[in-house]
Amino acid sequence: MAILKNSMIWSFSGKLGGIVGYELNGQHIIRAMPVVSKRKASPLEIINRARMKAVSKYLSPIRRAIKFGYQNLAPPGSRIGAFQQAQSYTFKHSLDYDENTVPFVNPEKVLIFRGKLPTPVQATVEVAQDHSLVFSWPSMKSTGTHLHLVAFLYDGIRKHDLLSSGPNLSEQSYTWHHSFLQHPDKTPIHVYFGFRNSLTGEFSDSQYWGSFNTQ
């Protein structure tokens, strides 16, 4: 991979022969097309491909939320984008295996948001009778006026929604009413939440609360 220095003149997007050009975080990148190997893949390569496929399957439907939650790990000029940062973390830390040694992403180990703010370890979530979610957290001294709740719902397949700017932490609770929480569904919905400083944009790591069924 190479970075074009005089990008105003030499930048291009798309495929040209054996190279591909694209823009990433304000930089113009060129790289060679992957070489397709004709040899039989080793058992380790097969497992590795399955691991990458599992990560892609879990993260691809929520690409926008992941880019939001990992934005500080890929500031302008970074060679690795926010989504690629999430892929790398999930690949290394969030995979388990079933009884047939098939890899899958364990939702409990996924981080939707990542950052240096303290993780909300004492926060709780309860499911109300109308399937709304009630987030609660203890009083936090010296939080200022810029720390807010952020949360994410995901069924691991397609349904998802992001609360990008919840209430200030001084309120100590928040009830999230959501349309797809009201409709019966056998698929469990995973709940992630964290804190964000709206002034600096810094996040805490997300915390996994658990999952629940609307049915």
C-alpha atoms as a PDB file:
ATOM      1  CA  MET A   1       0.000   0.000   0.000  1.00  0.00           C
ATOM      2  CA  ALA A   2       1.200   3.539  -0.777  1.00  0.00           C
ATOM      3  CA  ILE A   3       0.030   7.061   0.022  1.00  0.00           C
ATOM      4  CA  LEU A   4      -0.013   9.606  -2.800  1.00  0.00           C
ATOM      5  CA  LYS A   5       1.752  12.753  -1.572  1.00  0.00           C
ATOM      6  CA  ASN A   6       0.750  15.085  -4.404  1.00  0.00           C
ATOM      7  CA  SER A   7      -2.832  13.890  -4.291  1.00  0.00           C
ATOM      8  CA  MET A   8      -4.287  16.927  -6.044  1.00  0.00           C
ATOM      9  CA  ILE A   9      -2.617  15.778  -9.248  1.00  0.00           C
ATOM     10  CA  TRP A  10      -2.217  12.036  -8.955  1.00  0.00           C
ATOM     11  CA  SER A  11      -5.269  10.847  -7.043  1.00  0.00           C
ATOM     12  CA  PHE A  12      -7.734   8.468  -8.659  1.00  0.00           C
ATOM     13  CA  SER A  13     -10.543   6.255  -7.493  1.00  0.00           C
ATOM     14  CA  GLY A  14     -11.304   2.793  -8.767  1.00  0.00           C
ATOM     15  CA  LYS A  15      -9.409  -0.005 -10.449  1.00  0.00           C
ATOM     16  CA  LEU A  16      -6.619   0.558 -12.941  1.00  0.00           C
ATOM     17  CA  GLY A  17      -4.956  -2.590 -14.167  1.00  0.00           C
ATOM     18  CA  GLY A  18      -3.576  -4.387 -11.128  1.00  0.00           C
ATOM     19  CA  ILE A  19      -3.954  -1.486  -8.693  1.00  0.00           C
ATOM     20  CA  VAL A  20      -6.846   0.123  -6.839  1.00  0.00           C
ATOM     21  CA  GLY A  21      -7.112   3.748  -5.732  1.00  0.00           C
ATOM     22  CA  TYR A  22      -9.368   5.116  -2.992  1.00  0.00           C
ATOM     23  CA  GLU A  23      -9.550   7.831  -0.340  1.00  0.00           C
ATOM     24  CA  LEU A  24      -9.256   7.055   3.384  1.00  0.00           C
ATOM     25  CA  ASN A  25      -9.411   9.726   6.099  1.00  0.00           C
ATOM     26  CA  GLY A  26      -8.397  12.466   3.671  1.00  0.00           C
ATOM     27  CA  GLN A  27      -5.473  10.506   2.204  1.00  0.00           C
ATOM     28  CA  HIS A  28      -5.351   9.051  -1.302  1.00  0.00           C
ATOM     29  CA  ILE A  29      -4.293   5.400  -1.179  1.00  0.00           C
ATOM     30  CA  ILE A  30      -3.145   3.061  -3.906  1.00  0.00           C
ATOM     31  CA  ARG A  31      -2.661  -0.655  -3.416  1.00  0.00           C
ATOM     32  CA  ALA A  32      -2.138  -3.740  -5.507  1.00  0.00           C
ATOM     33  CA  MET A  33      -5.002  -6.097  -6.164  1.00  0.00           C
ATOM     34  CA  PRO A  34      -4.762  -9.291  -4.091  1.00  0.00           C
ATOM     35  CA  VAL A  35      -3.158 -12.228  -5.836  1.00  0.00           C
ATOM     36  CA  VAL A  36      -5.455 -15.245  -5.995  1.00  0.00           C
ATOM     37  CA  SER A  37      -3.546 -18.312  -4.886  1.00  0.00           C
ATOM     38  CA  LYS A  38      -4.243 -21.567  -6.714  1.00  0.00           C
ATOM     39  CA  ARG A  39      -2.843 -23.762  -3.968  1.00  0.00           C
ATOM     40  CA  LYS A  40      -5.133 -25.525  -1.526  1.00  0.00           C
ATOM     41  CA  ALA A  41      -5.749 -23.553   1.648  1.00  0.00           C
ATOM     42  CA  SER A  42      -4.259 -24.946   4.849  1.00  0.00           C
ATOM     43  CA  PRO A  43      -6.529 -25.821   7.822  1.00  0.00           C
ATOM     44  CA  LEU A  44      -5.278 -22.703   9.612  1.00  0.00           C
ATOM     45  CA  GLU A  45      -6.122 -20.505   6.605  1.00  0.00           C
ATOM     46  CA  ILE A  46      -9.607 -22.003   6.430  1.00  0.00           C
ATOM     47  CA  ILE A  47     -10.218 -21.238  10.114  1.00  0.00           C
ATOM     48  CA  ASN A  48      -8.833 -17.738   9.680  1.00  0.00           C
ATOM     49  CA  ARG A  49     -11.188 -17.068   6.763  1.00  0.00           C
ATOM     50  CA  ALA A  50     -14.106 -18.333   8.831  1.00  0.00           C
ATOM     51  CA  ARG A  51     -13.084 -16.003  11.658  1.00  0.00           C
ATOM     52  CA  MET A  52     -12.957 -13.009   9.318  1.00  0.00           C
ATOM     53  CA  LYS A  53     -16.323 -13.974   7.819  1.00  0.00           C
ATOM     54  CA  ALA A  54     -17.900 -14.144  11.294  1.00  0.00           C
ATOM     55  CA  VAL A  55     -16.575 -10.690  12.196  1.00  0.00           C
ATOM     56  CA  SER A  56     -17.794  -9.208   8.917  1.00  0.00           C
ATOM     57  CA  LYS A  57     -21.232 -10.788   9.349  1.00  0.00           C
ATOM     58  CA  TYR A  58     -21.682  -9.206  12.780  1.00  0.00           C
ATOM     59  CA  LEU A  59     -20.213  -5.763  12.093  1.00  0.00           C
ATOM     60  CA  SER A  60     -21.193  -4.998   8.496  1.00  0.00           C
ATOM     61  CA  PRO A  61     -24.895  -4.308   9.197  1.00  0.00           C
ATOM     62  CA  ILE A  62     -23.902  -1.765  11.875  1.00  0.00           C
ATOM     63  CA  ARG A  63     -21.084  -0.026  10.028  1.00  0.00           C
ATOM     64  CA  ARG A  64     -22.375   3.502  10.725  1.00  0.00           C
ATOM     65  CA  ALA A  65     -22.703   2.894  14.456  1.00  0.00           C
ATOM     66  CA  ILE A  66     -19.228   1.346  14.583  1.00  0.00           C
ATOM     67  CA  LYS A  67     -17.700   4.322  12.781  1.00  0.00           C
ATOM     68  CA  PHE A  68     -19.383   6.571  15.348  1.00  0.00           C
ATOM     69  CA  GLY A  69     -18.130   4.584  18.329  1.00  0.00           C
ATOM     70  CA  TYR A  70     -14.560   4.158  17.021  1.00  0.00           C
ATOM     71  CA  GLN A  71     -14.129   7.599  15.491  1.00  0.00           C
ATOM     72  CA  ASN A  72     -11.462   8.703  17.973  1.00  0.00           C
ATOM     73  CA  LEU A  73      -9.308   5.689  17.145  1.00  0.00           C
ATOM     74  CA  ALA A  74      -9.066   6.804  13.519  1.00  0.00           C
ATOM     75  CA  PRO A  75      -8.542  10.580  13.388  1.00  0.00           C
ATOM     76  CA  PRO A  76      -8.025  12.328  10.027  1.00  0.00           C
ATOM     77  CA  GLY A  77      -4.846  11.107   8.395  1.00  0.00           C
ATOM     78  CA  SER A  78      -4.982   7.610   9.909  1.00  0.00           C
ATOM     79  CA  ARG A  79      -4.009   4.761   7.621  1.00  0.00           C
ATOM     80  CA  ILE A  80      -6.512   2.452   9.346  1.00  0.00           C
ATOM     81  CA  GLY A  81     -10.137   3.598   9.411  1.00  0.00           C
ATOM     82  CA  ALA A  82     -12.601   3.363  12.290  1.00  0.00           C
ATOM     83  CA  PHE A  83     -14.414   0.329  10.880  1.00  0.00           C
ATOM     84  CA  GLN A  84     -11.121  -1.478  10.301  1.00  0.00           C
ATOM     85  CA  GLN A  85     -10.142  -0.702  13.914  1.00  0.00           C
ATOM     86  CA  ALA A  86     -13.365  -2.356  15.070  1.00  0.00           C
ATOM     87  CA  GLN A  87     -12.783  -5.356  12.828  1.00  0.00           C
ATOM     88  CA  SER A  88      -9.306  -5.814  14.280  1.00  0.00           C
ATOM     89  CA  TYR A  89     -10.497  -5.564  17.877  1.00  0.00           C
ATOM     90  CA  THR A  90     -13.420  -7.935  17.320  1.00  0.00           C
ATOM     91  CA  PHE A  91     -11.223 -10.432  15.490  1.00  0.00           C
ATOM     92  CA  LYS A  92      -8.726 -10.498  18.359  1.00  0.00           C
ATOM     93  CA  HIS A  93     -11.024 -10.302  21.391  1.00  0.00           C
ATOM     94  CA  SER A  94     -14.639 -11.192  20.587  1.00  0.00           C
ATOM     95  CA  LEU A  95     -14.679 -14.609  18.907  1.00  0.00           C
ATOM     96  CA  ASP A  96     -15.765 -17.925  20.390  1.00  0.00           C
ATOM     97  CA  TYR A  97     -16.312 -21.360  18.840  1.00  0.00           C
ATOM     98  CA  ASP A  98     -19.308 -23.682  18.772  1.00  0.00           C
ATOM     99  CA  GLU A  99     -19.240 -27.449  19.312  1.00  0.00           C
ATOM    100  CA  ASN A 100     -18.139 -27.923  15.687  1.00  0.00           C
ATOM    101  CA  THR A 101     -15.260 -25.443  16.072  1.00  0.00           C
ATOM    102  CA  VAL A 102     -17.062 -22.901  13.907  1.00  0.00           C
ATOM    103  CA  PRO A 103     -16.164 -19.358  14.988  1.00  0.00           C
ATOM    104  CA  PHE A 104     -18.840 -16.836  15.927  1.00  0.00           C
ATOM    105  CA  VAL A 105     -18.852 -13.375  17.461  1.00  0.00           C
ATOM    106  CA  ASN A 106     -19.786 -13.416  21.136  1.00  0.00           C
ATOM    107  CA  PRO A 107     -21.937 -10.275  21.645  1.00  0.00           C
ATOM    108  CA  GLU A 108     -20.794 -10.023  25.277  1.00  0.00           C
ATOM    109  CA  LYS A 109     -17.225  -9.396  24.142  1.00  0.00           C
ATOM    110  CA  VAL A 110     -17.978  -6.780  21.480  1.00  0.00           C
ATOM    111  CA  LEU A 111     -17.226  -3.102  22.065  1.00  0.00           C
ATOM    112  CA  ILE A 112     -19.536  -0.760  20.169  1.00  0.00           C
ATOM    113  CA  PHE A 113     -17.888   2.352  21.639  1.00  0.00           C
ATOM    114  CA  ARG A 114     -14.238   2.682  22.644  1.00  0.00           C
ATOM    115  CA  GLY A 115     -12.487   5.414  24.556  1.00  0.00           C
ATOM    116  CA  LYS A 116     -10.685   6.583  27.671  1.00  0.00           C
ATOM    117  CA  LEU A 117     -13.612   7.713  29.807  1.00  0.00           C
ATOM    118  CA  PRO A 118     -14.434   5.512  32.838  1.00  0.00           C
ATOM    119  CA  THR A 119     -16.639   2.559  31.953  1.00  0.00           C
ATOM    120  CA  PRO A 120     -20.138   2.761  33.500  1.00  0.00           C
ATOM    121  CA  VAL A 121     -19.738  -0.366  35.642  1.00  0.00           C
ATOM    122  CA  GLN A 122     -22.435   0.628  38.164  1.00  0.00           C
ATOM    123  CA  ALA A 123     -25.078   1.478  35.599  1.00  0.00           C
ATOM    124  CA  THR A 124     -28.106  -0.805  35.229  1.00  0.00           C
ATOM    125  CA  VAL A 125     -30.777  -1.490  32.623  1.00  0.00           C
ATOM    126  CA  GLU A 126     -34.273  -2.798  33.278  1.00  0.00           C
ATOM    127  CA  VAL A 127     -36.959  -3.886  30.820  1.00  0.00           C
ATOM    128  CA  ALA A 128     -40.332  -2.277  31.585  1.00  0.00           C
ATOM    129  CA  GLN A 129     -43.669  -3.966  30.953  1.00  0.00           C
ATOM    130  CA  ASP A 130     -44.080  -2.054  27.703  1.00  0.00           C
ATOM    131  CA  HIS A 131     -40.622  -3.304  26.632  1.00  0.00           C
ATOM    132  CA  SER A 132     -39.049   0.116  26.985  1.00  0.00           C
ATOM    133  CA  LEU A 133     -35.556   0.156  28.487  1.00  0.00           C
ATOM    134  CA  VAL A 134     -34.849   2.034  31.696  1.00  0.00           C
ATOM    135  CA  PHE A 135     -31.195   3.005  32.099  1.00  0.00           C
ATOM    136  CA  SER A 136     -30.043   4.074  35.574  1.00  0.00           C
ATOM    137  CA  TRP A 137     -26.681   5.094  36.969  1.00  0.00           C
ATOM    138  CA  PRO A 138     -25.451   6.431  40.315  1.00  0.00           C
ATOM    139  CA  SER A 139     -24.694  10.065  40.969  1.00  0.00           C
ATOM    140  CA  MET A 140     -21.325  10.993  39.532  1.00  0.00           C
ATOM    141  CA  LYS A 141     -19.489  13.899  41.094  1.00  0.00           C
ATOM    142  CA  SER A 142     -17.678  16.439  38.945  1.00  0.00           C
ATOM    143  CA  THR A 143     -19.173  15.136  35.700  1.00  0.00           C
ATOM    144  CA  GLY A 144     -19.773  18.650  34.389  1.00  0.00           C
ATOM    145  CA  THR A 145     -22.443  19.309  31.810  1.00  0.00           C
ATOM    146  CA  HIS A 146     -20.901  17.487  28.872  1.00  0.00           C
ATOM    147  CA  LEU A 147     -21.156  13.789  29.781  1.00  0.00           C
ATOM    148  CA  HIS A 148     -24.085  12.003  28.172  1.00  0.00           C
ATOM    149  CA  LEU A 149     -25.465   8.506  27.859  1.00  0.00           C
ATOM    150  CA  VAL A 150     -24.941   6.654  24.564  1.00  0.00           C
ATOM    151  CA  ALA A 151     -26.579   3.303  23.861  1.00  0.00           C
ATOM    152  CA  PHE A 152     -27.023   0.757  21.108  1.00  0.00           C
ATOM    153  CA  LEU A 153     -29.534  -2.007  20.389  1.00  0.00           C
ATOM    154  CA  TYR A 154     -28.763  -4.871  18.009  1.00  0.00           C
ATOM    155  CA  ASP A 155     -30.289  -8.247  17.297  1.00  0.00           C
ATOM    156  CA  GLY A 156     -27.038  -9.452  15.745  1.00  0.00           C
ATOM    157  CA  ILE A 157     -28.644  -9.789  12.318  1.00  0.00           C
ATOM    158  CA  ARG A 158     -30.348  -6.676  10.987  1.00  0.00           C
ATOM    159  CA  LYS A 159     -32.352  -4.722  13.594  1.00  0.00           C
ATOM    160  CA  HIS A 160     -30.352  -2.016  15.318  1.00  0.00           C
ATOM    161  CA  ASP A 161     -30.533   1.544  16.546  1.00  0.00           C
ATOM    162  CA  LEU A 162     -28.135   4.045  18.059  1.00  0.00           C
ATOM    163  CA  LEU A 163     -28.780   6.547  20.832  1.00  0.00           C
ATOM    164  CA  SER A 164     -25.950   8.919  19.968  1.00  0.00           C
ATOM    165  CA  SER A 165     -26.739  11.676  22.454  1.00  0.00           C
ATOM    166  CA  GLY A 166     -28.805  10.676  25.465  1.00  0.00           C
ATOM    167  CA  PRO A 167     -29.443  12.693  28.623  1.00  0.00           C
ATOM    168  CA  ASN A 168     -26.812  14.366  30.721  1.00  0.00           C
ATOM    169  CA  LEU A 169     -25.482  12.051  33.425  1.00  0.00           C
ATOM    170  CA  SER A 170     -26.775  14.380  36.123  1.00  0.00           C
ATOM    171  CA  GLU A 171     -30.279  13.045  35.376  1.00  0.00           C
ATOM    172  CA  GLN A 172     -29.251   9.527  36.574  1.00  0.00           C
ATOM    173  CA  SER A 173     -31.891   7.719  34.497  1.00  0.00           C
ATOM    174  CA  TYR A 174     -33.361   7.505  31.018  1.00  0.00           C
ATOM    175  CA  THR A 175     -36.261   5.554  29.518  1.00  0.00           C
ATOM    176  CA  TRP A 176     -35.800   4.552  25.894  1.00  0.00           C
ATOM    177  CA  HIS A 177     -39.008   3.830  24.010  1.00  0.00           C
ATOM    178  CA  HIS A 178     -38.339   2.301  20.631  1.00  0.00           C
ATOM    179  CA  SER A 179     -40.720   1.097  17.939  1.00  0.00           C
ATOM    180  CA  PHE A 180     -39.088  -2.253  17.241  1.00  0.00           C
ATOM    181  CA  LEU A 181     -39.014  -3.019  20.958  1.00  0.00           C
ATOM    182  CA  GLN A 182     -42.801  -3.037  20.909  1.00  0.00           C
ATOM    183  CA  HIS A 183     -43.196  -5.734  18.260  1.00  0.00           C
ATOM    184  CA  PRO A 184     -42.961  -9.412  19.293  1.00  0.00           C
ATOM    185  CA  ASP A 185     -39.825 -11.124  18.021  1.00  0.00           C
ATOM    186  CA  LYS A 186     -38.082 -14.318  19.070  1.00  0.00           C
ATOM    187  CA  THR A 187     -34.649 -12.909  18.220  1.00  0.00           C
ATOM    188  CA  PRO A 188     -32.909 -11.542  21.326  1.00  0.00           C
ATOM    189  CA  ILE A 189     -31.904  -7.895  21.279  1.00  0.00           C
ATOM    190  CA  HIS A 190     -28.469  -7.084  22.695  1.00  0.00           C
ATOM    191  CA  VAL A 191     -28.040  -3.907  24.723  1.00  0.00           C
ATOM    192  CA  TYR A 192     -24.835  -1.870  24.851  1.00  0.00           C
ATOM    193  CA  PHE A 193     -24.326   1.468  26.581  1.00  0.00           C
ATOM    194  CA  GLY A 194     -21.609   3.888  27.582  1.00  0.00           C
ATOM    195  CA  PHE A 195     -20.792   7.535  28.205  1.00  0.00           C
ATOM    196  CA  ARG A 196     -19.659  10.281  25.843  1.00  0.00           C
ATOM    197  CA  ASN A 197     -18.254  13.751  26.398  1.00  0.00           C
ATOM    198  CA  SER A 198     -20.156  15.942  23.933  1.00  0.00           C
ATOM    199  CA  LEU A 199     -17.491  18.658  24.195  1.00  0.00           C
ATOM    200  CA  THR A 200     -14.406  16.562  23.444  1.00  0.00           C
ATOM    201  CA  GLY A 201     -16.127  13.687  21.643  1.00  0.00           C
ATOM    202  CA  GLU A 202     -14.376  11.154  23.892  1.00  0.00           C
ATOM    203  CA  PHE A 203     -16.147   7.872  24.736  1.00  0.00           C
ATOM    204  CA  SER A 204     -16.011   5.279  27.439  1.00  0.00           C
ATOM    205  CA  ASP A 205     -15.743   1.664  26.350  1.00  0.00           C
ATOM    206  CA  SER A 206     -19.225   0.283  25.901  1.00  0.00           C
ATOM    207  CA  GLN A 207     -20.653  -2.104  28.444  1.00  0.00           C
ATOM    208  CA  TYR A 208     -22.736  -5.090  27.488  1.00  0.00           C
ATOM    209  CA  TRP A 209     -25.857  -5.303  29.635  1.00  0.00           C
ATOM    210  CA  GLY A 210     -27.325  -8.485  28.186  1.00  0.00           C
ATOM    211  CA  SER A 211     -30.147  -9.407  25.851  1.00  0.00           C
ATOM    212  CA  PHE A 212     -33.912  -9.753  26.024  1.00  0.00           C
ATOM    213  CA  ASN A 213     -36.758 -10.969  23.857  1.00  0.00           C
ATOM    214  CA  THR A 214     -39.733  -8.796  23.006  1.00  0.00           C
ATOM    215  CA  GLN A 215     -41.919 -11.887  22.817  1.00  0.00           C
END
